[in-house]
Amino acid sequence: MKSVTTLAIIIALATCHNSFAQDHHKGMSLSAPVRKTQPRTQVKDTVKNTVTVITEEMPSGNDLRANSLVDEQKRALLDDHKIIYIDGRPTTITQQHQDSIRGLVENFFYDQFQSFSDPAAPYFLFMSRNADLAMGIGGCVRIRGWYDFDAAIPANSFTPYLIPMIKDPANDRKLGATPAGSTLFFRVIGKNKKLGEYQLYIEANFNGYGGTDFHLKKAYAQINKVTFGYASSTFSDPAALPPTVDANGPANKISPTSILVRWMNTYKKRFTIAGSVELPKKAAVSTVTGKIGTASQTIPDFAAFLQYNWGKSEHVRLAGITRALPYEDILTHQRHTKFGWGLQLSAVAHPISPITLYGTFNCGEGHESTTGDLQVGNYDLVPLPGHETDMYAPFALGWSIGLQYNFRPNLFASLSYSDSRYFPHSPREASEYRYGNIFTANVFWNLTPRIQAGLEFDTGTRKNWDGRCRRSDRLGLMAQFSF
């Protein structure tokens, strides 16, 4: 009851003060820079007119619509930047030049693998005079705090798999906080006569041991249609995941990062197709029998997706992955390989301007180490019942749905539900995980385009094959500043 009351208070306060946030945003918004001789008011008028045209213009031909309140909030960030010319300011600022600048900045947002928790486009942009090259250095400072009411989870993230199944009065409640998720990134976007369009990206965050160690999250290069480096797997669709304060996200979340080579192309702005060869991580093999060991990977993963876009932030995607899963028979020292697969259908849509819908459904055999709850355990390969040295890839599935309502572009609330289920031929232990789910309710408020606060209530359940079930509840807070 207290959490519901707190949510109501936050929403009321945010609504009352929303006009202040919008006024503050207008005061700090800058369009593509104009000559110094022009007064500052003309810069503001240029931004206002540009945004109005984009908001009211209806799509024609192959143009993608961008008329939701979510897109309007993104446009506020698009206009909130400072450009520094690295080779001298151009003598004349034309509309074509401004469009080129805006097109480059949009690449920071409309990414096939952009998630809600990813950092926003940087405030400071270094740009060439002809707008063929943009370089941005940015990131975010993010602090999360939480309080577990019952069955406290021994981790920073809210993960049903980790819910303790035995009641412990000394540790059933817990207060915690972490700066994990604070991020720094560097991106270069440009055009070259020989190479065409290219992009370089490096991102690192503080998600290491204790949530404070600095480690690499992404590092890749993209030249035209080809991406190579350490990037989000082609099997994932981060944009279709509902917004959450908690870092774990939905119980069925698929978001692996791999060293890969990917080809991706979009036809007529509507259809996108991609395929990749990805360096696999070691298969999560169950070794409970003591007669099975892990083996090194020798065959890459193959992933692909087909996507249809009808808006800049609206699409439906079908993705798949195939995996080779090796293991060793310790008694004979023989190497064996099983094969796994995974499928995911995902979508994000704005049926009307203030509403956003999210949805994912995934299933497969031997893909468990790529998906939310199940990646905590060793479920890619498990012993075949009655055969301690013969392994198989068990079946698992998961799904999530989410509804977001924007009261204003900078104020929204969302509800989501996710579920992850495991279907072995026969569980070895009665206490083994059977399924887990999470229900999430939250509210987010962008005080300015770059300052965000969030409040969230999570309740999750773990159920074992013996029928034992336990629930955990968490109230979480987040404060984030992007730069």
Protein backbone atom coordinates (compact mmCIF):
# COMPACT_ATOMS: atom_id res chain seq x y z
CA MET A 1 0.00 0.00 0.00
CA LYS A 2 2.86 2.36 0.82
CA SER A 3 4.43 1.78 -2.59
CA VAL A 4 1.14 2.59 -4.38
CA THR A 5 0.77 5.79 -2.35
CA THR A 6 4.35 6.77 -3.12
CA LEU A 7 3.75 6.24 -6.85
CA ALA A 8 0.67 8.44 -6.72
CA ILE A 9 2.59 11.23 -4.96
CA ILE A 10 5.43 11.09 -7.49
CA ILE A 11 3.04 11.25 -10.45
CA ALA A 12 1.19 14.21 -8.92
CA LEU A 13 4.40 16.13 -8.21
CA ALA A 14 5.76 15.38 -11.67
CA THR A 15 2.58 16.61 -13.35
CA CYS A 16 2.55 19.86 -11.36
CA HIS A 17 6.17 20.61 -12.16
CA ASN A 18 6.18 19.40 -15.77
CA SER A 19 5.76 22.91 -17.16
CA PHE A 20 8.96 23.92 -15.34
CA ALA A 21 10.85 21.03 -16.93
CA GLN A 22 9.60 21.97 -20.40
CA ASP A 23 10.54 25.63 -19.91
CA HIS A 24 13.98 24.58 -18.70
CA HIS A 25 14.40 22.37 -21.76
CA LYS A 26 13.48 25.23 -24.10
CA GLY A 27 16.03 27.41 -22.40
CA MET A 28 18.86 24.95 -22.95
CA SER A 29 17.92 23.65 -26.44
CA LEU A 30 20.27 24.52 -29.27
CA SER A 31 19.75 23.75 -32.93
CA ALA A 32 22.49 23.40 -35.48
CA PRO A 33 24.57 26.54 -34.89
CA VAL A 34 24.14 29.67 -36.99
CA ARG A 35 26.46 32.56 -37.63
CA LYS A 36 27.53 34.59 -34.62
CA THR A 37 25.98 37.73 -36.12
CA GLN A 38 22.50 36.26 -35.78
CA PRO A 39 20.70 36.92 -32.49
CA ARG A 40 20.06 34.03 -30.06
CA THR A 41 16.29 34.33 -30.49
CA GLN A 42 16.65 33.31 -34.14
CA VAL A 43 18.33 30.07 -33.05
CA LYS A 44 15.37 29.26 -30.80
CA ASP A 45 12.91 30.08 -33.59
CA THR A 46 14.80 27.78 -35.94
CA VAL A 47 14.51 24.91 -33.45
CA LYS A 48 10.85 25.57 -32.80
CA ASN A 49 9.91 25.69 -36.47
CA THR A 50 11.92 22.58 -37.30
CA VAL A 51 10.32 20.56 -34.51
CA THR A 52 6.82 21.73 -35.46
CA VAL A 53 7.24 20.61 -39.06
CA ILE A 54 8.52 17.18 -38.05
CA THR A 55 5.71 16.71 -35.53
CA GLU A 56 2.87 17.63 -37.86
CA GLU A 57 4.17 16.19 -41.12
CA MET A 58 2.48 12.93 -42.07
CA PRO A 59 4.52 10.17 -43.70
CA SER A 60 4.41 9.90 -47.45
CA GLY A 61 5.85 7.25 -49.74
CA ASN A 62 8.63 5.44 -47.91
CA ASP A 63 8.95 7.96 -45.06
CA LEU A 64 8.65 6.54 -41.54
CA ARG A 65 6.33 8.22 -39.09
CA ALA A 66 7.61 9.73 -35.84
CA ASN A 67 4.57 11.30 -34.23
CA SER A 68 4.39 9.67 -30.79
CA LEU A 69 5.21 11.34 -27.47
CA VAL A 70 8.22 9.00 -27.20
CA ASP A 71 9.57 10.39 -30.48
CA GLU A 72 8.85 13.91 -29.24
CA GLN A 73 11.01 13.29 -26.17
CA LYS A 74 13.78 12.01 -28.45
CA ARG A 75 13.51 15.18 -30.50
CA ALA A 76 14.01 17.20 -27.32
CA LEU A 77 17.32 15.38 -26.87
CA LEU A 78 18.17 15.84 -30.55
CA ASP A 79 17.90 19.61 -30.09
CA ASP A 80 19.79 19.60 -26.78
CA HIS A 81 23.40 19.64 -27.90
CA LYS A 82 26.35 21.95 -28.37
CA ILE A 83 28.33 21.77 -31.62
CA ILE A 84 32.03 22.54 -31.73
CA TYR A 85 33.54 22.79 -35.23
CA ILE A 86 36.94 21.11 -35.43
CA ASP A 87 38.05 22.82 -38.67
CA GLY A 88 36.37 26.21 -38.44
CA ARG A 89 32.74 27.33 -38.55
CA PRO A 90 31.22 27.46 -42.06
CA THR A 91 30.65 30.95 -43.38
CA THR A 92 27.11 30.14 -44.51
CA ILE A 93 24.54 27.98 -42.70
CA THR A 94 21.99 26.59 -45.15
CA GLN A 95 18.94 24.47 -44.52
CA GLN A 96 20.70 21.57 -46.24
CA HIS A 97 23.61 21.96 -43.83
CA GLN A 98 21.27 21.93 -40.83
CA ASP A 99 19.53 18.82 -42.20
CA SER A 100 22.91 17.09 -42.56
CA ILE A 101 23.75 17.88 -38.94
CA ARG A 102 20.40 16.63 -37.70
CA GLY A 103 20.77 13.46 -39.75
CA LEU A 104 24.12 12.73 -38.13
CA VAL A 105 22.80 13.36 -34.63
CA GLU A 106 19.77 11.10 -35.27
CA ASN A 107 22.19 8.21 -35.78
CA PHE A 108 22.92 8.39 -32.05
CA PHE A 109 19.28 7.45 -31.34
CA TYR A 110 17.64 5.47 -34.11
CA ASP A 111 19.81 2.39 -33.77
CA GLN A 112 18.55 -1.15 -34.41
CA PHE A 113 20.00 -2.22 -31.05
CA GLN A 114 19.21 0.82 -28.88
CA SER A 115 17.68 -0.01 -25.49
CA PHE A 116 15.91 2.20 -22.96
CA SER A 117 18.86 2.09 -20.56
CA ASP A 118 21.48 3.02 -23.15
CA PRO A 119 23.04 6.49 -22.74
CA ALA A 120 21.58 9.40 -24.72
CA ALA A 121 23.39 11.26 -27.50
CA PRO A 122 26.22 13.41 -26.12
CA TYR A 123 25.65 17.07 -25.34
CA PHE A 124 29.00 18.09 -26.85
CA LEU A 125 29.51 17.19 -30.52
CA PHE A 126 32.69 17.86 -32.48
CA MET A 127 31.80 18.33 -36.14
CA SER A 128 33.59 19.03 -39.41
CA ARG A 129 32.73 22.18 -41.35
CA ASN A 130 30.93 20.26 -44.11
CA ALA A 131 28.97 18.11 -41.61
CA ASP A 132 30.51 14.90 -42.98
CA LEU A 133 32.06 13.92 -39.66
CA ALA A 134 30.68 14.01 -36.11
CA MET A 135 32.44 12.90 -32.95
CA GLY A 136 30.74 12.65 -29.59
CA ILE A 137 31.97 11.83 -26.10
CA GLY A 138 29.26 11.26 -23.55
CA GLY A 139 27.76 8.98 -20.96
CA CYS A 140 25.61 9.00 -17.88
CA VAL A 141 25.91 8.97 -14.11
CA ARG A 142 23.30 6.53 -12.80
CA ILE A 143 22.51 5.66 -9.19
CA ARG A 144 20.04 2.92 -8.29
CA GLY A 145 18.71 2.22 -4.80
CA TRP A 146 16.27 -0.43 -3.60
CA TYR A 147 14.58 -2.01 -0.62
CA ASP A 148 13.51 -5.69 -0.62
CA PHE A 149 10.45 -6.30 1.56
CA ASP A 150 10.46 -10.08 1.64
CA ALA A 151 12.76 -12.89 0.44
CA ALA A 152 15.57 -10.43 -0.29
CA ILE A 153 17.48 -11.29 -3.46
CA PRO A 154 21.27 -11.53 -2.89
CA ALA A 155 22.11 -9.43 -5.96
CA ASN A 156 21.83 -5.88 -7.27
CA SER A 157 19.38 -6.94 -9.97
CA PHE A 158 15.89 -8.32 -9.40
CA THR A 159 16.30 -11.90 -10.68
CA PRO A 160 13.60 -14.48 -9.78
CA TYR A 161 16.06 -17.36 -10.24
CA LEU A 162 18.00 -16.04 -7.22
CA ILE A 163 15.01 -15.81 -4.85
CA PRO A 164 16.00 -17.79 -1.71
CA MET A 165 13.55 -20.65 -1.25
CA ILE A 166 14.22 -21.06 2.50
CA LYS A 167 13.03 -18.29 4.79
CA ASP A 168 15.83 -16.51 6.63
CA PRO A 169 14.50 -13.94 9.14
CA ALA A 170 17.92 -12.29 9.43
CA ASN A 171 18.17 -11.61 5.69
CA ASP A 172 14.59 -11.45 4.41
CA ARG A 173 14.78 -7.66 4.09
CA LYS A 174 17.54 -5.65 2.53
CA LEU A 175 18.49 -2.06 1.67
CA GLY A 176 20.92 -1.57 -1.20
CA ALA A 177 22.31 0.93 -3.69
CA THR A 178 24.82 0.88 -6.54
CA PRO A 179 26.38 3.18 -9.14
CA ALA A 180 26.57 0.20 -11.53
CA GLY A 181 25.31 1.18 -14.95
CA SER A 182 27.12 4.52 -15.02
CA THR A 183 28.57 4.73 -18.51
CA LEU A 184 31.13 6.45 -20.72
CA PHE A 185 31.12 6.18 -24.51
CA PHE A 186 32.88 7.53 -27.57
CA ARG A 187 31.34 7.56 -31.06
CA VAL A 188 32.50 8.78 -34.46
CA ILE A 189 30.03 8.97 -37.36
CA GLY A 190 31.08 10.08 -40.81
CA LYS A 191 30.98 9.84 -44.60
CA ASN A 192 33.88 9.11 -46.90
CA LYS A 193 34.06 9.02 -50.70
CA LYS A 194 35.80 5.63 -50.68
CA LEU A 195 34.34 4.01 -47.57
CA GLY A 196 30.87 5.51 -47.68
CA GLU A 197 29.15 5.85 -44.29
CA TYR A 198 31.11 4.60 -41.29
CA GLN A 199 30.88 4.56 -37.52
CA LEU A 200 33.20 3.76 -34.61
CA TYR A 201 31.85 3.09 -31.14
CA ILE A 202 33.36 2.28 -27.73
CA GLU A 203 31.29 1.97 -24.54
CA ALA A 204 32.37 1.00 -21.04
CA ASN A 205 30.52 1.03 -17.75
CA PHE A 206 30.88 0.36 -14.04
CA ASN A 207 29.30 -3.08 -13.79
CA GLY A 208 32.26 -5.10 -12.61
CA TYR A 209 32.90 -6.66 -9.22
CA GLY A 210 30.89 -4.82 -6.59
CA GLY A 211 29.33 -2.64 -9.29
CA THR A 212 32.29 -0.25 -9.34
CA ASP A 213 34.90 -1.89 -11.61
CA PHE A 214 35.23 -0.35 -15.08
CA HIS A 215 34.83 -2.82 -17.93
CA LEU A 216 34.25 -2.82 -21.68
CA LYS A 217 30.64 -3.19 -22.80
CA LYS A 218 30.85 -2.58 -26.57
CA ALA A 219 33.58 -1.83 -29.11
CA TYR A 220 32.81 -2.05 -32.81
CA ALA A 221 33.24 -0.47 -36.22
CA GLN A 222 30.58 -0.18 -38.89
CA ILE A 223 31.31 0.50 -42.54
CA ASN A 224 28.21 0.81 -44.71
CA LYS A 225 26.31 -2.44 -44.19
CA VAL A 226 28.99 -4.36 -42.30
CA THR A 227 29.62 -4.29 -38.53
CA PHE A 228 32.56 -6.01 -36.90
CA GLY A 229 33.69 -6.00 -33.29
CA TYR A 230 32.14 -6.44 -29.85
CA ALA A 231 28.45 -5.57 -30.28
CA SER A 232 24.88 -6.62 -29.40
CA SER A 233 24.02 -10.04 -30.81
CA THR A 234 21.83 -10.12 -33.92
CA PHE A 235 19.56 -12.47 -31.93
CA SER A 236 18.64 -9.65 -29.52
CA ASP A 237 16.11 -6.80 -29.83
CA PRO A 238 16.74 -4.37 -26.94
CA ALA A 239 14.29 -1.76 -28.29
CA ALA A 240 11.36 -4.16 -27.77
CA LEU A 241 12.02 -4.50 -24.02
CA PRO A 242 9.82 -2.39 -21.71
CA PRO A 243 11.48 0.37 -19.64
CA THR A 244 12.62 -0.62 -16.14
CA VAL A 245 14.50 0.96 -13.26
CA ASP A 246 16.00 -2.40 -12.35
CA ALA A 247 19.04 -3.40 -14.41
CA ASN A 248 17.85 -6.99 -14.92
CA GLY A 249 14.78 -6.09 -16.99
CA PRO A 250 12.25 -8.78 -18.00
CA ALA A 251 12.70 -12.40 -16.91
CA ASN A 252 13.08 -13.53 -20.55
CA LYS A 253 15.44 -10.71 -21.60
CA ILE A 254 17.82 -11.63 -24.42
CA SER A 255 20.73 -9.19 -24.62
CA PRO A 256 24.04 -11.00 -25.18
CA THR A 257 27.07 -9.13 -26.51
CA SER A 258 29.44 -10.96 -28.81
CA ILE A 259 32.46 -10.47 -31.03
CA LEU A 260 30.85 -10.69 -34.44
CA VAL A 261 30.78 -9.82 -38.11
CA ARG A 262 27.31 -8.68 -39.19
CA TRP A 263 25.81 -7.66 -42.50
CA MET A 264 22.63 -5.57 -42.25
CA ASN A 265 20.64 -3.69 -44.86
CA THR A 266 17.37 -1.76 -44.97
CA TYR A 267 15.23 -1.74 -48.11
CA LYS A 268 12.97 1.25 -48.84
CA LYS A 269 13.15 2.23 -45.13
CA ARG A 270 10.66 -0.55 -44.34
CA PHE A 271 12.37 -3.93 -44.43
CA THR A 272 15.60 -4.70 -42.59
CA ILE A 273 17.49 -7.97 -42.91
CA ALA A 274 20.62 -8.96 -41.01
CA GLY A 275 22.89 -11.96 -40.61
CA SER A 276 25.97 -12.49 -38.47
CA VAL A 277 28.73 -14.89 -37.52
CA GLU A 278 29.36 -14.59 -33.78
CA LEU A 279 32.10 -15.86 -31.49
CA PRO A 280 30.29 -18.01 -28.91
CA LYS A 281 30.84 -18.02 -25.20
CA LYS A 282 31.53 -21.36 -23.57
CA ALA A 283 28.35 -23.43 -23.41
CA ALA A 284 26.66 -23.59 -20.00
CA VAL A 285 26.95 -27.33 -19.45
CA SER A 286 25.60 -29.08 -16.35
CA THR A 287 28.39 -31.13 -14.76
CA VAL A 288 26.45 -32.44 -11.76
CA THR A 289 27.17 -36.10 -12.57
CA GLY A 290 30.92 -35.57 -12.22
CA LYS A 291 31.47 -37.52 -15.45
CA ILE A 292 30.91 -34.60 -17.82
CA GLY A 293 33.21 -31.64 -18.42
CA THR A 294 33.14 -28.51 -20.54
CA ALA A 295 34.97 -28.25 -23.86
CA SER A 296 36.31 -25.34 -25.91
CA GLN A 297 34.19 -23.84 -28.68
CA THR A 298 35.27 -24.55 -32.26
CA ILE A 299 32.14 -23.61 -34.27
CA PRO A 300 30.71 -20.05 -34.30
CA ASP A 301 27.10 -19.09 -33.64
CA PHE A 302 25.01 -17.99 -36.64
CA ALA A 303 22.26 -15.43 -36.09
CA ALA A 304 19.85 -13.53 -38.35
CA PHE A 305 16.71 -11.41 -38.26
CA LEU A 306 14.03 -10.05 -40.57
CA GLN A 307 12.31 -6.83 -39.52
CA TYR A 308 9.49 -4.63 -40.80
CA ASN A 309 9.50 -0.95 -39.79
CA TRP A 310 6.52 1.38 -40.04
CA GLY A 311 7.84 4.11 -37.74
CA LYS A 312 11.21 5.42 -36.64
CA SER A 313 10.74 3.62 -33.32
CA GLU A 314 8.16 0.99 -34.38
CA HIS A 315 8.86 -2.44 -35.78
CA VAL A 316 8.22 -6.16 -35.64
CA ARG A 317 11.20 -8.55 -35.82
CA LEU A 318 11.74 -12.30 -36.17
CA ALA A 319 15.23 -13.41 -35.10
CA GLY A 320 16.96 -16.76 -34.86
CA ILE A 321 20.23 -18.30 -33.74
CA THR A 322 21.97 -21.67 -34.12
CA ARG A 323 24.62 -22.84 -31.65
CA ALA A 324 27.17 -25.65 -31.38
CA LEU A 325 27.36 -26.98 -27.79
CA PRO A 326 30.47 -29.10 -27.07
CA TYR A 327 31.17 -31.16 -23.97
CA GLU A 328 33.66 -33.81 -22.82
CA ASP A 329 33.11 -37.34 -21.55
CA ILE A 330 35.67 -37.31 -18.73
CA LEU A 331 35.84 -41.12 -18.48
CA THR A 332 36.82 -41.63 -22.14
CA HIS A 333 38.21 -38.12 -22.81
CA GLN A 334 36.06 -37.92 -25.90
CA ARG A 335 34.63 -34.70 -27.25
CA HIS A 336 30.97 -34.54 -28.26
CA THR A 337 28.89 -31.76 -29.80
CA LYS A 338 25.16 -31.13 -29.64
CA PHE A 339 23.35 -28.38 -31.50
CA GLY A 340 20.97 -25.79 -30.15
CA TRP A 341 18.68 -23.17 -31.62
CA GLY A 342 16.61 -20.19 -30.59
CA LEU A 343 13.81 -18.05 -32.05
CA GLN A 344 12.49 -14.66 -30.94
CA LEU A 345 9.48 -12.67 -32.14
CA SER A 346 9.52 -9.09 -30.88
CA ALA A 347 7.72 -5.81 -31.52
CA VAL A 348 7.37 -2.21 -30.33
CA ALA A 349 4.53 0.06 -31.49
CA HIS A 350 2.73 3.35 -30.80
CA PRO A 351 -0.96 2.65 -31.61
CA ILE A 352 -1.80 6.20 -30.49
CA SER A 353 0.49 9.08 -29.62
CA PRO A 354 0.71 8.62 -25.81
CA ILE A 355 0.80 4.79 -25.78
CA THR A 356 3.72 2.46 -26.48
CA LEU A 357 3.37 -1.33 -26.56
CA TYR A 358 6.27 -3.75 -26.11
CA GLY A 359 6.32 -7.49 -26.64
CA THR A 360 8.78 -10.39 -26.94
CA PHE A 361 8.37 -14.15 -27.21
CA ASN A 362 11.37 -16.46 -27.38
CA CYS A 363 11.91 -20.20 -27.29
CA GLY A 364 14.53 -22.76 -28.18
CA GLU A 365 16.76 -25.63 -27.15
CA GLY A 366 20.25 -24.96 -25.83
CA HIS A 367 19.87 -21.17 -25.90
CA GLU A 368 19.32 -20.78 -22.14
CA SER A 369 22.63 -19.00 -21.48
CA THR A 370 21.50 -16.12 -23.73
CA THR A 371 18.24 -15.39 -21.92
CA GLY A 372 17.34 -13.59 -18.67
CA ASP A 373 16.61 -15.83 -15.71
CA LEU A 374 18.04 -19.06 -17.10
CA GLN A 375 21.52 -17.69 -17.83
CA VAL A 376 22.22 -17.87 -14.07
CA GLY A 377 22.21 -21.67 -14.21
CA ASN A 378 23.86 -24.27 -16.46
CA TYR A 379 21.00 -25.25 -18.73
CA ASP A 380 22.37 -25.24 -22.31
CA LEU A 381 23.17 -28.95 -21.93
CA VAL A 382 21.91 -31.26 -19.18
CA PRO A 383 22.30 -35.06 -18.62
CA LEU A 384 19.87 -37.27 -20.50
CA PRO A 385 17.73 -39.16 -17.95
CA GLY A 386 19.34 -42.52 -17.21
CA HIS A 387 22.56 -41.62 -19.08
CA GLU A 388 25.15 -39.82 -16.97
CA THR A 389 27.52 -39.22 -19.89
CA ASP A 390 24.99 -38.39 -22.61
CA MET A 391 23.74 -34.81 -22.82
CA TYR A 392 20.85 -33.04 -24.55
CA ALA A 393 19.69 -29.45 -25.07
CA PRO A 394 16.47 -28.86 -23.08
CA PHE A 395 13.59 -26.70 -24.28
CA ALA A 396 12.80 -23.33 -22.69
CA LEU A 397 10.54 -20.41 -23.51
CA GLY A 398 9.83 -16.93 -22.23
CA TRP A 399 7.68 -13.93 -22.99
CA SER A 400 7.09 -10.36 -21.91
CA ILE A 401 4.52 -7.65 -22.56
CA GLY A 402 4.66 -3.99 -21.63
CA LEU A 403 2.41 -0.92 -21.78
CA GLN A 404 3.79 2.61 -21.50
CA TYR A 405 1.63 5.71 -21.20
CA ASN A 406 3.13 9.17 -21.70
CA PHE A 407 1.23 11.84 -19.77
CA ARG A 408 3.62 14.28 -21.43
CA PRO A 409 6.76 13.72 -23.53
CA ASN A 410 8.90 13.92 -20.39
CA LEU A 411 6.60 12.03 -17.97
CA PHE A 412 5.41 8.46 -18.39
CA ALA A 413 4.41 5.35 -16.46
CA SER A 414 4.62 1.72 -17.54
CA LEU A 415 3.41 -1.73 -16.57
CA SER A 416 5.05 -4.96 -17.70
CA TYR A 417 4.90 -8.69 -17.06
CA SER A 418 7.49 -11.30 -18.04
CA ASP A 419 7.82 -15.03 -17.64
CA SER A 420 10.61 -17.59 -18.16
CA ARG A 421 10.01 -21.37 -18.19
CA TYR A 422 12.26 -24.42 -18.30
CA PHE A 423 11.14 -27.80 -19.71
CA PRO A 424 13.70 -30.60 -19.19
CA HIS A 425 12.79 -34.17 -20.12
CA SER A 426 13.00 -35.01 -16.43
CA PRO A 427 14.35 -32.72 -13.68
CA ARG A 428 17.23 -34.23 -11.74
CA GLU A 429 16.30 -32.50 -8.49
CA ALA A 430 12.88 -31.66 -7.07
CA SER A 431 14.30 -28.30 -5.95
CA GLU A 432 15.34 -27.39 -9.50
CA TYR A 433 14.03 -24.18 -11.08
CA ARG A 434 10.82 -24.60 -13.08
CA TYR A 435 9.74 -21.02 -13.88
CA GLY A 436 10.07 -17.43 -12.76
CA ASN A 437 8.10 -14.27 -13.46
CA ILE A 438 8.22 -10.54 -12.77
CA PHE A 439 5.48 -7.90 -12.61
CA THR A 440 6.77 -4.32 -12.83
CA ALA A 441 5.10 -0.94 -12.34
CA ASN A 442 7.11 2.27 -12.66
CA VAL A 443 7.07 5.98 -13.41
CA PHE A 444 9.82 8.05 -15.08
CA TRP A 445 10.19 11.81 -15.09
CA ASN A 446 12.65 13.76 -17.23
CA LEU A 447 13.17 16.92 -15.24
CA THR A 448 15.22 18.18 -18.21
CA PRO A 449 16.10 16.32 -21.41
CA ARG A 450 19.22 15.00 -19.65
CA ILE A 451 18.10 14.50 -16.04
CA GLN A 452 15.83 11.54 -15.32
CA ALA A 453 14.33 10.07 -12.17
CA GLY A 454 12.45 6.80 -11.83
CA LEU A 455 10.45 4.94 -9.18
CA GLU A 456 9.55 1.25 -9.56
CA PHE A 457 7.82 -1.60 -7.79
CA ASP A 458 8.84 -5.17 -8.71
CA THR A 459 7.24 -8.36 -7.52
CA GLY A 460 8.56 -11.72 -8.72
CA THR A 461 8.03 -15.43 -8.14
CA ARG A 462 10.20 -18.52 -8.42
CA LYS A 463 8.64 -21.99 -8.56
CA ASN A 464 10.51 -25.30 -8.37
CA TRP A 465 9.59 -28.71 -9.76
CA ASP A 466 8.58 -29.90 -6.28
CA GLY A 467 5.84 -27.26 -6.26
CA ARG A 468 7.59 -25.01 -3.76
CA CYS A 469 7.04 -21.35 -4.60
CA ARG A 470 8.29 -18.09 -3.10
CA ARG A 471 7.74 -14.44 -3.92
CA SER A 472 10.00 -11.40 -3.51
CA ASP A 473 9.06 -7.70 -3.58
CA ARG A 474 11.30 -4.71 -4.28
CA LEU A 475 10.87 -0.93 -4.35
CA GLY A 476 13.52 0.76 -6.46
CA LEU A 477 14.65 4.32 -7.17
CA MET A 478 16.89 5.68 -9.91
CA ALA A 479 18.50 9.04 -10.61
CA GLN A 480 20.38 9.59 -13.87
CA PHE A 481 22.21 12.48 -15.49
CA SER A 482 23.32 12.18 -19.13
CA PHE A 483 26.01 14.34 -20.69
